[in-house]
N, C-alpha and C. Protein backbone atom coordinates (compact mmCIF):
# COMPACT_ATOMS: atom_id res chain seq x y z
N MET A 1 0.84 -1.20 0.00
CA MET A 1 0.00 0.00 0.00
C MET A 1 0.87 1.25 0.00
N ILE A 2 0.54 2.21 -0.84
CA ILE A 2 1.32 3.44 -0.94
C ILE A 2 0.83 4.45 0.08
N ASP A 3 1.76 4.92 0.91
CA ASP A 3 1.44 5.89 1.96
C ASP A 3 1.91 7.30 1.63
N TYR A 4 2.92 7.39 0.76
CA TYR A 4 3.48 8.72 0.48
C TYR A 4 3.96 8.80 -0.96
N ILE A 5 4.00 10.04 -1.47
CA ILE A 5 4.42 10.32 -2.84
C ILE A 5 5.67 11.20 -2.80
N VAL A 6 6.63 10.91 -3.67
CA VAL A 6 7.86 11.69 -3.76
C VAL A 6 7.98 12.25 -5.18
N PHE A 7 7.99 13.57 -5.28
CA PHE A 7 8.09 14.24 -6.57
C PHE A 7 9.51 14.72 -6.84
N ASP A 8 9.92 14.60 -8.08
CA ASP A 8 11.03 15.40 -8.62
C ASP A 8 10.46 16.80 -8.88
N LEU A 9 11.32 17.80 -9.03
CA LEU A 9 10.84 19.16 -9.27
C LEU A 9 11.08 19.60 -10.72
N GLY A 10 12.36 19.82 -11.10
CA GLY A 10 12.66 20.29 -12.45
C GLY A 10 12.27 19.28 -13.50
N GLY A 11 11.44 19.71 -14.45
CA GLY A 11 10.98 18.82 -15.50
C GLY A 11 9.67 18.13 -15.18
N VAL A 12 9.26 18.18 -13.92
CA VAL A 12 7.99 17.57 -13.52
C VAL A 12 7.02 18.66 -13.04
N LEU A 13 7.44 19.42 -12.04
CA LEU A 13 6.60 20.50 -11.52
C LEU A 13 7.06 21.88 -11.97
N ILE A 14 8.35 22.02 -12.26
CA ILE A 14 8.93 23.32 -12.61
C ILE A 14 9.59 23.22 -13.98
N ASP A 15 9.32 24.23 -14.81
CA ASP A 15 9.88 24.28 -16.16
C ASP A 15 11.21 25.04 -16.11
N TRP A 16 12.31 24.29 -16.08
CA TRP A 16 13.66 24.87 -16.05
C TRP A 16 14.42 24.44 -17.30
N ASP A 17 14.98 25.41 -17.99
CA ASP A 17 15.77 25.10 -19.19
C ASP A 17 16.71 26.27 -19.45
N PRO A 18 18.04 26.03 -19.47
CA PRO A 18 18.99 27.12 -19.73
C PRO A 18 18.72 27.85 -21.04
N ARG A 19 18.07 27.21 -21.98
CA ARG A 19 17.81 27.85 -23.27
C ARG A 19 16.92 29.08 -23.13
N TYR A 20 16.08 29.11 -22.13
CA TYR A 20 15.25 30.30 -21.93
C TYR A 20 16.13 31.53 -21.74
N LEU A 21 17.25 31.37 -21.06
CA LEU A 21 18.19 32.47 -20.87
C LEU A 21 19.04 32.69 -22.11
N TYR A 22 19.60 31.63 -22.66
CA TYR A 22 20.62 31.80 -23.70
C TYR A 22 20.05 32.19 -25.06
N ARG A 23 18.75 32.05 -25.23
CA ARG A 23 18.14 32.61 -26.44
C ARG A 23 18.19 34.13 -26.42
N LYS A 24 18.32 34.71 -25.25
CA LYS A 24 18.45 36.16 -25.12
C LYS A 24 19.89 36.62 -25.36
N LEU A 25 20.83 35.73 -25.17
CA LEU A 25 22.25 36.09 -25.24
C LEU A 25 22.91 35.76 -26.56
N PHE A 26 22.41 34.75 -27.24
CA PHE A 26 22.98 34.34 -28.53
C PHE A 26 21.91 34.40 -29.61
N GLU A 27 22.26 34.98 -30.75
CA GLU A 27 21.32 35.03 -31.87
C GLU A 27 21.31 33.71 -32.65
N ASP A 28 22.45 33.06 -32.70
CA ASP A 28 22.61 31.84 -33.50
C ASP A 28 22.23 30.60 -32.68
N PRO A 29 21.20 29.87 -33.07
CA PRO A 29 20.83 28.64 -32.34
C PRO A 29 21.96 27.63 -32.26
N ASN A 30 22.81 27.61 -33.29
CA ASN A 30 23.94 26.67 -33.27
C ASN A 30 24.94 27.02 -32.18
N GLU A 31 25.09 28.32 -31.91
CA GLU A 31 26.00 28.73 -30.84
C GLU A 31 25.42 28.37 -29.47
N ILE A 32 24.11 28.48 -29.34
CA ILE A 32 23.47 28.03 -28.09
C ILE A 32 23.75 26.55 -27.88
N ASP A 33 23.57 25.77 -28.94
CA ASP A 33 23.83 24.33 -28.85
C ASP A 33 25.27 24.06 -28.44
N TYR A 34 26.20 24.77 -29.08
CA TYR A 34 27.61 24.58 -28.76
C TYR A 34 27.88 24.95 -27.30
N PHE A 35 27.38 26.10 -26.89
CA PHE A 35 27.64 26.59 -25.53
C PHE A 35 27.12 25.62 -24.48
N LEU A 36 25.90 25.10 -24.68
CA LEU A 36 25.29 24.23 -23.68
C LEU A 36 25.73 22.77 -23.80
N THR A 37 26.47 22.48 -24.87
CA THR A 37 27.01 21.12 -25.04
C THR A 37 28.47 21.04 -24.64
N GLU A 38 29.23 22.12 -24.93
CA GLU A 38 30.68 22.09 -24.73
C GLU A 38 31.17 22.97 -23.58
N VAL A 39 30.47 24.05 -23.29
CA VAL A 39 30.96 25.00 -22.28
C VAL A 39 30.22 24.79 -20.95
N CYS A 40 28.99 25.22 -20.90
CA CYS A 40 28.17 25.03 -19.69
C CYS A 40 27.20 23.87 -19.92
N HIS A 41 27.74 22.67 -19.88
CA HIS A 41 26.98 21.47 -20.23
C HIS A 41 26.33 20.85 -18.99
N GLY A 42 25.56 19.81 -19.22
CA GLY A 42 24.82 19.17 -18.15
C GLY A 42 25.68 18.62 -17.04
N LYS A 43 26.80 18.01 -17.38
CA LYS A 43 27.70 17.45 -16.37
C LYS A 43 28.28 18.55 -15.49
N TRP A 44 28.55 19.70 -16.11
CA TRP A 44 29.05 20.84 -15.35
C TRP A 44 27.98 21.34 -14.39
N ASN A 45 26.75 21.44 -14.86
CA ASN A 45 25.65 21.87 -13.99
C ASN A 45 25.46 20.91 -12.82
N GLU A 46 25.70 19.63 -13.05
CA GLU A 46 25.58 18.64 -11.98
C GLU A 46 26.55 18.92 -10.83
N GLN A 47 27.68 19.56 -11.15
CA GLN A 47 28.63 19.91 -10.08
C GLN A 47 27.96 20.81 -9.05
N MET A 48 27.23 21.83 -9.52
CA MET A 48 26.54 22.74 -8.61
C MET A 48 25.39 22.03 -7.90
N ASP A 49 24.70 21.15 -8.63
CA ASP A 49 23.65 20.36 -8.00
C ASP A 49 24.21 19.52 -6.86
N GLY A 50 25.49 19.17 -6.99
CA GLY A 50 26.14 18.36 -5.96
C GLY A 50 26.81 19.16 -4.86
N GLY A 51 26.69 20.49 -4.91
CA GLY A 51 27.22 21.32 -3.84
C GLY A 51 28.45 22.14 -4.18
N TYR A 52 28.96 22.04 -5.42
CA TYR A 52 30.13 22.82 -5.82
C TYR A 52 29.70 24.29 -5.97
N PRO A 53 30.47 25.25 -5.45
CA PRO A 53 30.05 26.66 -5.49
C PRO A 53 29.92 27.20 -6.92
N PHE A 54 28.86 27.94 -7.17
CA PHE A 54 28.62 28.53 -8.48
C PHE A 54 29.79 29.40 -8.92
N GLU A 55 30.27 30.25 -8.02
CA GLU A 55 31.34 31.18 -8.40
C GLU A 55 32.58 30.42 -8.86
N GLN A 56 32.97 29.39 -8.12
CA GLN A 56 34.14 28.62 -8.49
C GLN A 56 33.92 27.86 -9.79
N ALA A 57 32.72 27.31 -9.95
CA ALA A 57 32.40 26.57 -11.18
C ALA A 57 32.49 27.48 -12.39
N CYS A 58 31.99 28.70 -12.25
CA CYS A 58 32.06 29.66 -13.36
C CYS A 58 33.51 30.05 -13.65
N ASN A 59 34.28 30.29 -12.61
CA ASN A 59 35.69 30.64 -12.81
C ASN A 59 36.45 29.52 -13.50
N ASP A 60 36.12 28.28 -13.17
CA ASP A 60 36.75 27.13 -13.83
C ASP A 60 36.50 27.17 -15.33
N ARG A 61 35.25 27.44 -15.71
CA ARG A 61 34.88 27.47 -17.13
C ARG A 61 35.50 28.67 -17.83
N ILE A 62 35.52 29.82 -17.16
CA ILE A 62 36.08 31.03 -17.76
C ILE A 62 37.57 30.84 -18.06
N ALA A 63 38.25 30.13 -17.19
CA ALA A 63 39.68 29.87 -17.41
C ALA A 63 39.89 29.08 -18.69
N GLU A 64 38.93 28.24 -19.03
CA GLU A 64 39.05 27.40 -20.23
C GLU A 64 38.45 28.07 -21.47
N TYR A 65 37.40 28.86 -21.25
CA TYR A 65 36.69 29.52 -22.36
C TYR A 65 36.55 31.01 -22.08
N PRO A 66 37.65 31.76 -22.03
CA PRO A 66 37.57 33.19 -21.67
C PRO A 66 36.70 34.01 -22.61
N GLN A 67 36.57 33.56 -23.86
CA GLN A 67 35.75 34.30 -24.83
C GLN A 67 34.27 34.27 -24.46
N TYR A 68 33.89 33.36 -23.57
CA TYR A 68 32.49 33.23 -23.16
C TYR A 68 32.27 33.70 -21.71
N GLU A 69 33.16 34.55 -21.23
CA GLU A 69 33.07 34.96 -19.81
C GLU A 69 31.69 35.50 -19.45
N GLU A 70 31.17 36.42 -20.24
CA GLU A 70 29.88 37.03 -19.92
C GLU A 70 28.76 35.98 -19.89
N ALA A 71 28.77 35.10 -20.88
CA ALA A 71 27.72 34.07 -20.97
C ALA A 71 27.84 33.06 -19.83
N ILE A 72 29.06 32.73 -19.45
CA ILE A 72 29.26 31.79 -18.35
C ILE A 72 28.77 32.40 -17.04
N LEU A 73 29.12 33.65 -16.79
CA LEU A 73 28.67 34.31 -15.56
C LEU A 73 27.16 34.45 -15.52
N ALA A 74 26.54 34.57 -16.69
CA ALA A 74 25.08 34.68 -16.74
C ALA A 74 24.42 33.42 -16.18
N TYR A 75 25.07 32.29 -16.32
CA TYR A 75 24.52 31.03 -15.80
C TYR A 75 24.29 31.13 -14.29
N TRP A 76 25.13 31.91 -13.66
CA TRP A 76 25.04 32.13 -12.21
C TRP A 76 24.21 33.37 -11.89
N LYS A 77 24.58 34.51 -12.48
CA LYS A 77 23.97 35.79 -12.12
C LYS A 77 22.53 35.92 -12.62
N ARG A 78 22.22 35.27 -13.75
CA ARG A 78 20.89 35.40 -14.34
C ARG A 78 20.14 34.07 -14.32
N TRP A 79 20.50 33.23 -13.37
CA TRP A 79 19.91 31.90 -13.26
C TRP A 79 18.37 31.90 -13.26
N PRO A 80 17.69 32.83 -12.57
CA PRO A 80 16.22 32.80 -12.56
C PRO A 80 15.59 32.89 -13.95
N GLU A 81 16.33 33.44 -14.92
CA GLU A 81 15.79 33.55 -16.27
C GLU A 81 15.73 32.21 -17.00
N MET A 82 16.27 31.17 -16.37
CA MET A 82 16.15 29.81 -16.92
C MET A 82 14.83 29.16 -16.53
N LEU A 83 14.09 29.81 -15.65
CA LEU A 83 12.81 29.28 -15.19
C LEU A 83 11.68 29.85 -16.03
N ASN A 84 10.75 29.00 -16.40
CA ASN A 84 9.60 29.44 -17.20
C ASN A 84 8.30 29.06 -16.49
N GLY A 85 8.30 29.24 -15.18
CA GLY A 85 7.10 28.97 -14.40
C GLY A 85 6.93 27.50 -14.06
N ALA A 86 5.75 27.19 -13.57
CA ALA A 86 5.40 25.83 -13.19
C ALA A 86 4.72 25.11 -14.34
N HIS A 87 4.71 23.78 -14.26
CA HIS A 87 3.92 22.98 -15.20
C HIS A 87 2.50 22.87 -14.60
N PRO A 88 1.55 23.66 -15.11
CA PRO A 88 0.24 23.75 -14.45
C PRO A 88 -0.48 22.42 -14.31
N GLY A 89 -0.39 21.56 -15.31
CA GLY A 89 -1.09 20.27 -15.23
C GLY A 89 -0.59 19.41 -14.10
N THR A 90 0.73 19.44 -13.86
CA THR A 90 1.30 18.63 -12.79
C THR A 90 1.02 19.24 -11.43
N VAL A 91 1.10 20.57 -11.35
CA VAL A 91 0.80 21.25 -10.09
C VAL A 91 -0.66 20.99 -9.69
N GLU A 92 -1.54 20.95 -10.68
CA GLU A 92 -2.95 20.66 -10.40
C GLU A 92 -3.11 19.28 -9.76
N LEU A 93 -2.35 18.30 -10.25
CA LEU A 93 -2.40 16.96 -9.65
C LEU A 93 -1.85 16.98 -8.23
N LEU A 94 -0.77 17.73 -8.02
CA LEU A 94 -0.20 17.87 -6.68
C LEU A 94 -1.22 18.49 -5.73
N GLU A 95 -1.90 19.53 -6.20
CA GLU A 95 -2.90 20.20 -5.37
C GLU A 95 -4.07 19.27 -5.05
N GLN A 96 -4.42 18.42 -6.01
CA GLN A 96 -5.49 17.46 -5.77
C GLN A 96 -5.09 16.47 -4.67
N MET A 97 -3.85 16.00 -4.74
CA MET A 97 -3.37 15.07 -3.71
C MET A 97 -3.31 15.75 -2.35
N ARG A 98 -2.91 17.01 -2.35
CA ARG A 98 -2.86 17.75 -1.08
C ARG A 98 -4.26 17.89 -0.49
N SER A 99 -5.23 18.20 -1.34
CA SER A 99 -6.61 18.37 -0.88
C SER A 99 -7.19 17.06 -0.35
N ASN A 100 -6.83 15.96 -1.01
CA ASN A 100 -7.34 14.64 -0.59
C ASN A 100 -6.83 14.24 0.79
N GLN A 101 -5.60 14.68 1.11
CA GLN A 101 -4.97 14.39 2.41
C GLN A 101 -4.90 12.88 2.70
N THR A 102 -4.74 12.10 1.64
CA THR A 102 -4.64 10.64 1.81
C THR A 102 -3.21 10.14 1.77
N HIS A 103 -2.29 10.95 1.23
CA HIS A 103 -0.90 10.54 1.11
C HIS A 103 0.02 11.69 1.54
N ARG A 104 1.07 11.35 2.24
CA ARG A 104 2.08 12.36 2.59
C ARG A 104 2.85 12.73 1.33
N LEU A 105 3.34 13.96 1.28
CA LEU A 105 4.00 14.48 0.08
C LEU A 105 5.43 14.90 0.40
N PHE A 106 6.37 14.42 -0.44
CA PHE A 106 7.79 14.73 -0.28
C PHE A 106 8.39 15.03 -1.65
N SER A 107 9.63 15.52 -1.64
CA SER A 107 10.34 15.76 -2.89
C SER A 107 11.82 15.45 -2.72
N ILE A 108 12.42 14.94 -3.78
CA ILE A 108 13.88 14.83 -3.90
C ILE A 108 14.25 15.53 -5.19
N THR A 109 15.15 16.52 -5.10
CA THR A 109 15.49 17.29 -6.28
C THR A 109 17.00 17.44 -6.43
N ASN A 110 17.48 17.33 -7.67
CA ASN A 110 18.85 17.70 -8.00
C ASN A 110 18.84 19.21 -8.25
N TRP A 111 19.35 19.97 -7.28
CA TRP A 111 19.24 21.43 -7.35
C TRP A 111 20.35 22.02 -6.50
N SER A 112 20.93 23.10 -6.97
CA SER A 112 21.98 23.79 -6.22
C SER A 112 21.41 24.38 -4.93
N ALA A 113 22.16 24.23 -3.86
CA ALA A 113 21.75 24.83 -2.58
C ALA A 113 21.74 26.35 -2.66
N GLU A 114 22.52 26.92 -3.59
CA GLU A 114 22.59 28.38 -3.72
C GLU A 114 21.36 28.96 -4.40
N THR A 115 20.79 28.23 -5.35
CA THR A 115 19.66 28.76 -6.11
C THR A 115 18.31 28.26 -5.60
N PHE A 116 18.30 27.22 -4.78
CA PHE A 116 17.02 26.67 -4.35
C PHE A 116 16.19 27.65 -3.52
N PRO A 117 16.79 28.51 -2.69
CA PRO A 117 15.96 29.49 -1.98
C PRO A 117 15.14 30.38 -2.93
N THR A 118 15.69 30.67 -4.11
CA THR A 118 14.93 31.44 -5.11
C THR A 118 13.71 30.65 -5.57
N ALA A 119 13.90 29.37 -5.81
CA ALA A 119 12.77 28.53 -6.21
C ALA A 119 11.69 28.51 -5.13
N ARG A 120 12.10 28.44 -3.89
CA ARG A 120 11.12 28.44 -2.79
C ARG A 120 10.28 29.72 -2.80
N ARG A 121 10.92 30.84 -3.10
CA ARG A 121 10.18 32.11 -3.14
C ARG A 121 9.24 32.17 -4.34
N LEU A 122 9.66 31.62 -5.46
CA LEU A 122 8.89 31.73 -6.70
C LEU A 122 7.73 30.75 -6.79
N PHE A 123 7.85 29.61 -6.11
CA PHE A 123 6.86 28.55 -6.27
C PHE A 123 6.25 28.18 -4.91
N PRO A 124 5.16 28.83 -4.54
CA PRO A 124 4.56 28.58 -3.22
C PRO A 124 4.15 27.13 -2.99
N PHE A 125 3.87 26.40 -4.07
CA PHE A 125 3.44 25.00 -3.88
C PHE A 125 4.54 24.12 -3.29
N LEU A 126 5.78 24.60 -3.28
CA LEU A 126 6.84 23.83 -2.64
C LEU A 126 6.57 23.68 -1.15
N GLY A 127 5.75 24.57 -0.61
CA GLY A 127 5.36 24.48 0.79
C GLY A 127 4.41 23.33 1.09
N TYR A 128 3.90 22.67 0.06
CA TYR A 128 3.01 21.52 0.26
C TYR A 128 3.77 20.29 0.76
N PHE A 129 5.07 20.27 0.52
CA PHE A 129 5.86 19.08 0.85
C PHE A 129 6.29 19.10 2.32
N GLU A 130 6.17 17.96 2.97
CA GLU A 130 6.66 17.84 4.35
C GLU A 130 8.17 18.03 4.41
N ASP A 131 8.86 17.54 3.40
CA ASP A 131 10.32 17.62 3.37
C ASP A 131 10.77 17.61 1.92
N ILE A 132 11.75 18.43 1.61
CA ILE A 132 12.39 18.43 0.29
C ILE A 132 13.87 18.14 0.48
N VAL A 133 14.33 17.05 -0.09
CA VAL A 133 15.75 16.70 -0.04
C VAL A 133 16.42 17.35 -1.25
N VAL A 134 17.32 18.30 -0.99
CA VAL A 134 17.98 19.07 -2.04
C VAL A 134 19.41 18.55 -2.20
N SER A 135 19.74 18.13 -3.40
CA SER A 135 21.05 17.50 -3.65
C SER A 135 22.21 18.39 -3.23
N GLY A 136 22.11 19.69 -3.52
CA GLY A 136 23.20 20.60 -3.21
C GLY A 136 23.45 20.74 -1.72
N GLU A 137 22.41 20.53 -0.92
CA GLU A 137 22.57 20.58 0.54
C GLU A 137 23.17 19.28 1.07
N GLU A 138 22.80 18.17 0.44
CA GLU A 138 23.27 16.86 0.91
C GLU A 138 24.57 16.42 0.25
N LYS A 139 24.93 17.11 -0.86
CA LYS A 139 26.10 16.74 -1.66
C LYS A 139 25.98 15.30 -2.17
N LEU A 140 24.77 14.97 -2.53
CA LEU A 140 24.42 13.68 -3.15
C LEU A 140 23.47 13.97 -4.29
N ILE A 141 23.66 13.32 -5.43
CA ILE A 141 22.85 13.59 -6.61
C ILE A 141 22.13 12.31 -7.04
N LYS A 142 20.83 12.44 -7.35
CA LYS A 142 20.15 11.31 -8.01
C LYS A 142 20.91 10.98 -9.29
N PRO A 143 21.08 9.72 -9.62
CA PRO A 143 20.46 8.52 -9.05
C PRO A 143 21.24 7.82 -7.93
N ASN A 144 22.16 8.52 -7.27
CA ASN A 144 22.89 7.91 -6.15
C ASN A 144 21.89 7.45 -5.09
N ALA A 145 21.97 6.20 -4.69
CA ALA A 145 21.02 5.65 -3.72
C ALA A 145 21.03 6.40 -2.40
N GLY A 146 22.15 7.05 -2.10
CA GLY A 146 22.27 7.74 -0.82
C GLY A 146 21.27 8.85 -0.63
N ILE A 147 20.90 9.54 -1.71
CA ILE A 147 19.97 10.66 -1.56
C ILE A 147 18.56 10.17 -1.24
N TYR A 148 18.21 8.99 -1.73
CA TYR A 148 16.92 8.40 -1.38
C TYR A 148 16.92 7.99 0.10
N GLN A 149 18.07 7.47 0.55
CA GLN A 149 18.18 7.06 1.94
C GLN A 149 18.05 8.25 2.89
N VAL A 150 18.52 9.41 2.46
CA VAL A 150 18.36 10.62 3.29
C VAL A 150 16.88 10.86 3.56
N LEU A 151 16.07 10.77 2.51
CA LEU A 151 14.62 10.96 2.67
C LEU A 151 14.03 9.93 3.62
N PHE A 152 14.37 8.66 3.39
CA PHE A 152 13.80 7.59 4.22
C PHE A 152 14.17 7.77 5.70
N GLU A 153 15.45 8.04 5.95
CA GLU A 153 15.93 8.10 7.33
C GLU A 153 15.45 9.36 8.03
N ARG A 154 15.43 10.47 7.32
CA ARG A 154 15.05 11.74 7.93
C ARG A 154 13.57 11.77 8.31
N ASN A 155 12.77 10.99 7.58
CA ASN A 155 11.32 11.03 7.79
C ASN A 155 10.75 9.69 8.25
N GLN A 156 11.63 8.74 8.61
CA GLN A 156 11.21 7.43 9.09
C GLN A 156 10.22 6.78 8.12
N LEU A 157 10.63 6.68 6.86
CA LEU A 157 9.76 6.16 5.81
C LEU A 157 10.19 4.75 5.39
N ASN A 158 9.20 3.93 5.11
CA ASN A 158 9.43 2.61 4.54
C ASN A 158 9.49 2.76 3.02
N PRO A 159 10.62 2.43 2.38
CA PRO A 159 10.70 2.58 0.92
C PRO A 159 9.57 1.90 0.18
N ARG A 160 9.12 0.76 0.66
CA ARG A 160 8.10 -0.02 -0.05
C ARG A 160 6.71 0.61 0.06
N ALA A 161 6.59 1.67 0.85
CA ALA A 161 5.31 2.37 0.97
C ALA A 161 5.29 3.65 0.15
N GLY A 162 6.34 3.87 -0.65
CA GLY A 162 6.47 5.12 -1.39
C GLY A 162 6.29 4.97 -2.89
N LEU A 163 5.83 6.06 -3.51
CA LEU A 163 5.73 6.17 -4.97
C LEU A 163 6.54 7.37 -5.42
N PHE A 164 7.48 7.15 -6.31
CA PHE A 164 8.43 8.18 -6.76
C PHE A 164 8.09 8.59 -8.19
N ILE A 165 8.15 9.90 -8.47
CA ILE A 165 7.83 10.44 -9.79
C ILE A 165 9.00 11.28 -10.28
N ASP A 166 9.53 10.97 -11.47
CA ASP A 166 10.68 11.71 -12.00
C ASP A 166 10.67 11.60 -13.52
N ASP A 167 11.21 12.62 -14.19
CA ASP A 167 11.27 12.59 -15.66
C ASP A 167 12.54 11.93 -16.18
N ASN A 168 13.45 11.57 -15.28
CA ASN A 168 14.71 10.94 -15.66
C ASN A 168 14.63 9.44 -15.39
N ALA A 169 14.77 8.64 -16.44
CA ALA A 169 14.62 7.19 -16.30
C ALA A 169 15.62 6.59 -15.33
N ASN A 170 16.85 7.12 -15.29
CA ASN A 170 17.86 6.58 -14.36
C ASN A 170 17.43 6.79 -12.91
N ASN A 171 16.85 7.96 -12.63
CA ASN A 171 16.39 8.24 -11.27
C ASN A 171 15.22 7.34 -10.88
N VAL A 172 14.36 7.06 -11.85
CA VAL A 172 13.22 6.17 -11.63
C VAL A 172 13.71 4.76 -11.29
N GLU A 173 14.68 4.28 -12.06
CA GLU A 173 15.21 2.94 -11.80
C GLU A 173 15.91 2.87 -10.45
N ALA A 174 16.59 3.94 -10.08
CA ALA A 174 17.26 3.97 -8.78
C ALA A 174 16.25 3.91 -7.64
N ALA A 175 15.12 4.59 -7.81
CA ALA A 175 14.07 4.54 -6.79
C ALA A 175 13.51 3.13 -6.67
N ARG A 176 13.30 2.49 -7.80
CA ARG A 176 12.80 1.11 -7.78
C ARG A 176 13.80 0.17 -7.10
N ALA A 177 15.09 0.43 -7.35
CA ALA A 177 16.13 -0.40 -6.73
C ALA A 177 16.13 -0.24 -5.21
N CYS A 178 15.66 0.92 -4.74
CA CYS A 178 15.56 1.16 -3.29
C CYS A 178 14.31 0.52 -2.70
N GLY A 179 13.42 0.03 -3.55
CA GLY A 179 12.22 -0.63 -3.07
C GLY A 179 10.93 0.12 -3.32
N MET A 180 11.02 1.32 -3.90
CA MET A 180 9.83 2.13 -4.13
C MET A 180 9.12 1.73 -5.42
N GLU A 181 7.84 2.03 -5.49
CA GLU A 181 7.14 2.07 -6.76
C GLU A 181 7.58 3.36 -7.45
N ALA A 182 7.49 3.43 -8.77
CA ALA A 182 7.96 4.63 -9.46
C ALA A 182 7.23 4.83 -10.78
N ILE A 183 7.11 6.10 -11.15
CA ILE A 183 6.50 6.51 -12.41
C ILE A 183 7.52 7.34 -13.18
N HIS A 184 7.75 6.97 -14.44
CA HIS A 184 8.59 7.78 -15.32
C HIS A 184 7.70 8.84 -15.96
N PHE A 185 7.85 10.08 -15.51
CA PHE A 185 6.99 11.17 -15.96
C PHE A 185 7.32 11.58 -17.39
N LYS A 186 6.28 11.73 -18.20
CA LYS A 186 6.44 12.24 -19.57
C LYS A 186 5.58 13.48 -19.80
N HIS A 187 4.34 13.45 -19.33
CA HIS A 187 3.46 14.62 -19.42
C HIS A 187 2.33 14.46 -18.40
N PRO A 188 1.64 15.55 -18.06
CA PRO A 188 0.64 15.48 -16.98
C PRO A 188 -0.48 14.48 -17.22
N GLU A 189 -0.92 14.34 -18.47
CA GLU A 189 -2.02 13.40 -18.74
C GLU A 189 -1.59 11.97 -18.44
N GLN A 190 -0.36 11.63 -18.83
CA GLN A 190 0.17 10.29 -18.54
C GLN A 190 0.31 10.08 -17.03
N LEU A 191 0.78 11.13 -16.33
CA LEU A 191 0.94 11.02 -14.88
C LEU A 191 -0.42 10.81 -14.21
N LYS A 192 -1.42 11.56 -14.65
CA LYS A 192 -2.76 11.41 -14.07
C LYS A 192 -3.25 9.98 -14.25
N SER A 193 -3.07 9.43 -15.44
CA SER A 193 -3.50 8.06 -15.71
C SER A 193 -2.77 7.06 -14.82
N ASP A 194 -1.45 7.25 -14.67
CA ASP A 194 -0.67 6.34 -13.84
C ASP A 194 -1.08 6.45 -12.37
N LEU A 195 -1.34 7.67 -11.91
CA LEU A 195 -1.77 7.86 -10.52
C LEU A 195 -3.13 7.20 -10.27
N GLN A 196 -3.99 7.26 -11.27
CA GLN A 196 -5.28 6.58 -11.16
C GLN A 196 -5.09 5.07 -11.09
N THR A 197 -4.15 4.56 -11.87
CA THR A 197 -3.86 3.12 -11.84
C THR A 197 -3.38 2.68 -10.46
N PHE A 198 -2.58 3.53 -9.82
CA PHE A 198 -2.10 3.23 -8.47
C PHE A 198 -3.16 3.50 -7.40
N GLY A 199 -4.28 4.10 -7.80
CA GLY A 199 -5.34 4.40 -6.84
C GLY A 199 -5.08 5.62 -5.99
N ILE A 200 -4.18 6.49 -6.46
CA ILE A 200 -3.83 7.70 -5.70
C ILE A 200 -4.90 8.77 -5.87
N ILE A 201 -5.38 8.93 -7.10
CA ILE A 201 -6.45 9.88 -7.38
C ILE A 201 -7.54 9.17 -8.18
N ARG A 202 -8.68 9.82 -8.30
CA ARG A 202 -9.78 9.26 -9.08
C ARG A 202 -9.80 9.85 -10.48
């Protein structure tokens, strides 16, 4: 029986994409692709998600790509411009679960500890969660099993009583390996259907 739900944030509840910012900084789409593939790429962003300081991470990149200094610093200084609001369909499902009061609500997110306070201010629905495990605070990143254990131990949760929702297949498989049920999120309609299958909502 499922007693609690664990949400991912970026890509599920929150629309975050560096391209929202870099479309303002580069006219050429090919240069955006190059910049986000070779300069400020996903693996580099994971460093901050894991607790590495933004300032140092930017300085590291600037040392290697000095011609992109302004654009690299924008990743840090203009980070909020990478946010494009919430995913309304998913937030609606979260609000429905909150209103039902049948399942406890938690979150595990890969997110920098430096920028997460901004997210808390911008998205009031984050207050619906009893606990949010932030990778940058724990210095553990999904799909590392340790970050799931933080949630279980901090909140005295049985993994087999939990349902995990994430848009990253690796994170979903890691949750299943910990003993949880899991849903690979693709879009709100699919999530609603899957939640109905699990008997979470009607």
